[in-house]
Amino acid sequence: MKCHYCDRDAAYAAEKDGIKVGLCEQHFRTQVEALADSEELAAIREQIDIDRTE
């Protein structure tokens, strides 16, 4: 399987409703970083009230 964004081999794949999408390592990291900075994730964190122990 190839990356959805480029021609590299996919390192990760996700499937939903019979549609499978792959991402190479670089594009996977890019997507995770974008998600980490998103308001949607911040809202989810507030809803589930995540507590971290450090």
N, C-alpha and C. Protein backbone atom coordinates (compact mmCIF):
# COMPACT_ATOMS: atom_id res chain seq x y z
N MET A 1 0.85 -1.17 0.00
CA MET A 1 0.00 0.00 0.00
C MET A 1 0.89 1.23 0.00
N LYS A 2 0.50 2.23 -0.75
CA LYS A 2 1.23 3.49 -0.84
C LYS A 2 0.59 4.53 0.06
N CYS A 3 1.39 5.54 0.41
CA CYS A 3 0.92 6.67 1.20
C CYS A 3 -0.15 7.43 0.43
N HIS A 4 -1.14 7.92 1.14
CA HIS A 4 -2.22 8.70 0.55
C HIS A 4 -1.71 10.01 -0.06
N TYR A 5 -0.61 10.56 0.49
CA TYR A 5 -0.10 11.86 0.09
C TYR A 5 1.10 11.82 -0.86
N CYS A 6 1.81 10.71 -0.89
CA CYS A 6 3.00 10.62 -1.74
C CYS A 6 3.14 9.20 -2.27
N ASP A 7 4.24 8.91 -2.90
CA ASP A 7 4.43 7.61 -3.54
C ASP A 7 5.21 6.62 -2.68
N ARG A 8 5.51 7.00 -1.44
CA ARG A 8 6.26 6.10 -0.55
C ARG A 8 5.36 4.98 -0.03
N ASP A 9 6.00 3.89 0.42
CA ASP A 9 5.24 2.81 1.03
C ASP A 9 4.61 3.29 2.33
N ALA A 10 3.41 2.85 2.59
CA ALA A 10 2.69 3.24 3.81
C ALA A 10 3.25 2.47 4.99
N ALA A 11 3.49 3.18 6.08
CA ALA A 11 3.93 2.56 7.32
C ALA A 11 2.72 2.31 8.23
N TYR A 12 1.65 3.04 8.02
CA TYR A 12 0.44 2.94 8.83
C TYR A 12 -0.77 2.92 7.90
N ALA A 13 -1.80 2.24 8.32
CA ALA A 13 -3.03 2.20 7.53
C ALA A 13 -4.23 2.25 8.46
N ALA A 14 -5.28 2.87 7.98
CA ALA A 14 -6.54 2.93 8.72
C ALA A 14 -7.66 2.54 7.77
N GLU A 15 -8.69 1.93 8.32
CA GLU A 15 -9.81 1.52 7.49
C GLU A 15 -11.11 1.90 8.18
N LYS A 16 -12.02 2.43 7.39
CA LYS A 16 -13.35 2.78 7.90
C LYS A 16 -14.34 2.62 6.76
N ASP A 17 -15.43 1.94 7.03
CA ASP A 17 -16.48 1.73 6.03
C ASP A 17 -15.94 1.14 4.74
N GLY A 18 -14.96 0.25 4.87
CA GLY A 18 -14.41 -0.43 3.72
C GLY A 18 -13.39 0.36 2.92
N ILE A 19 -13.09 1.58 3.37
CA ILE A 19 -12.09 2.41 2.69
C ILE A 19 -10.81 2.37 3.52
N LYS A 20 -9.71 2.00 2.88
CA LYS A 20 -8.43 1.88 3.57
C LYS A 20 -7.48 2.95 3.05
N VAL A 21 -6.83 3.65 3.97
CA VAL A 21 -5.91 4.73 3.63
C VAL A 21 -4.59 4.47 4.34
N GLY A 22 -3.49 4.65 3.61
CA GLY A 22 -2.17 4.45 4.19
C GLY A 22 -1.40 5.76 4.29
N LEU A 23 -0.50 5.82 5.25
CA LEU A 23 0.37 6.98 5.42
C LEU A 23 1.81 6.52 5.63
N CYS A 24 2.74 7.22 5.00
CA CYS A 24 4.16 6.95 5.26
C CYS A 24 4.49 7.55 6.63
N GLU A 25 5.68 7.25 7.11
CA GLU A 25 6.09 7.74 8.44
C GLU A 25 6.03 9.26 8.52
N GLN A 26 6.55 9.95 7.52
CA GLN A 26 6.57 11.42 7.54
C GLN A 26 5.16 12.01 7.57
N HIS A 27 4.27 11.53 6.72
CA HIS A 27 2.92 12.09 6.68
C HIS A 27 2.11 11.67 7.90
N PHE A 28 2.39 10.51 8.46
CA PHE A 28 1.73 10.11 9.71
C PHE A 28 2.09 11.10 10.82
N ARG A 29 3.38 11.40 10.94
CA ARG A 29 3.82 12.35 11.97
C ARG A 29 3.20 13.73 11.76
N THR A 30 3.13 14.16 10.52
CA THR A 30 2.53 15.45 10.21
C THR A 30 1.07 15.49 10.66
N GLN A 31 0.34 14.43 10.37
CA GLN A 31 -1.08 14.37 10.75
C GLN A 31 -1.26 14.31 12.26
N VAL A 32 -0.39 13.56 12.96
CA VAL A 32 -0.48 13.47 14.42
C VAL A 32 -0.18 14.83 15.04
N GLU A 33 0.83 15.54 14.52
CA GLU A 33 1.16 16.87 15.03
C GLU A 33 0.00 17.83 14.82
N ALA A 34 -0.64 17.76 13.68
CA ALA A 34 -1.79 18.63 13.40
C ALA A 34 -2.94 18.32 14.36
N LEU A 35 -3.16 17.05 14.62
CA LEU A 35 -4.22 16.65 15.55
C LEU A 35 -3.90 17.12 16.97
N ALA A 36 -2.65 17.00 17.36
CA ALA A 36 -2.25 17.41 18.72
C ALA A 36 -2.50 18.89 18.96
N ASP A 37 -2.41 19.69 17.90
CA ASP A 37 -2.62 21.14 18.02
C ASP A 37 -4.07 21.57 17.75
N SER A 38 -4.94 20.62 17.50
CA SER A 38 -6.30 20.97 17.08
C SER A 38 -7.21 21.32 18.26
N GLU A 39 -8.17 22.17 17.98
CA GLU A 39 -9.17 22.53 18.98
C GLU A 39 -10.08 21.35 19.28
N GLU A 40 -10.29 20.49 18.29
CA GLU A 40 -11.13 19.32 18.50
C GLU A 40 -10.56 18.41 19.58
N LEU A 41 -9.25 18.17 19.53
CA LEU A 41 -8.62 17.32 20.54
C LEU A 41 -8.67 17.99 21.91
N ALA A 42 -8.48 19.29 21.96
CA ALA A 42 -8.57 20.02 23.22
C ALA A 42 -9.96 19.88 23.82
N ALA A 43 -10.99 19.93 22.98
CA ALA A 43 -12.36 19.77 23.47
C ALA A 43 -12.60 18.36 24.01
N ILE A 44 -12.04 17.37 23.33
CA ILE A 44 -12.18 15.98 23.80
C ILE A 44 -11.47 15.82 25.14
N ARG A 45 -10.28 16.40 25.26
CA ARG A 45 -9.56 16.30 26.53
C ARG A 45 -10.36 16.92 27.67
N GLU A 46 -11.01 18.03 27.41
CA GLU A 46 -11.85 18.66 28.43
C GLU A 46 -13.02 17.76 28.80
N GLN A 47 -13.64 17.13 27.82
CA GLN A 47 -14.80 16.30 28.06
C GLN A 47 -14.45 15.08 28.91
N ILE A 48 -13.31 14.50 28.68
CA ILE A 48 -12.98 13.28 29.43
C ILE A 48 -12.08 13.58 30.63
N ASP A 49 -11.67 14.84 30.78
CA ASP A 49 -10.92 15.29 31.95
C ASP A 49 -9.70 14.40 32.21
N ILE A 50 -8.77 14.43 31.29
CA ILE A 50 -7.56 13.61 31.40
C ILE A 50 -6.66 14.18 32.49
N ASP A 51 -6.26 13.32 33.41
CA ASP A 51 -5.28 13.69 34.43
C ASP A 51 -3.99 12.94 34.16
N ARG A 52 -2.88 13.64 34.18
CA ARG A 52 -1.59 13.00 33.96
C ARG A 52 -0.83 12.94 35.27
N THR A 53 -0.10 11.86 35.43
CA THR A 53 0.81 11.76 36.57
C THR A 53 2.22 11.89 36.05
N GLU A 54 2.94 12.82 36.59
CA GLU A 54 4.32 13.04 36.13
C GLU A 54 5.26 13.02 37.29
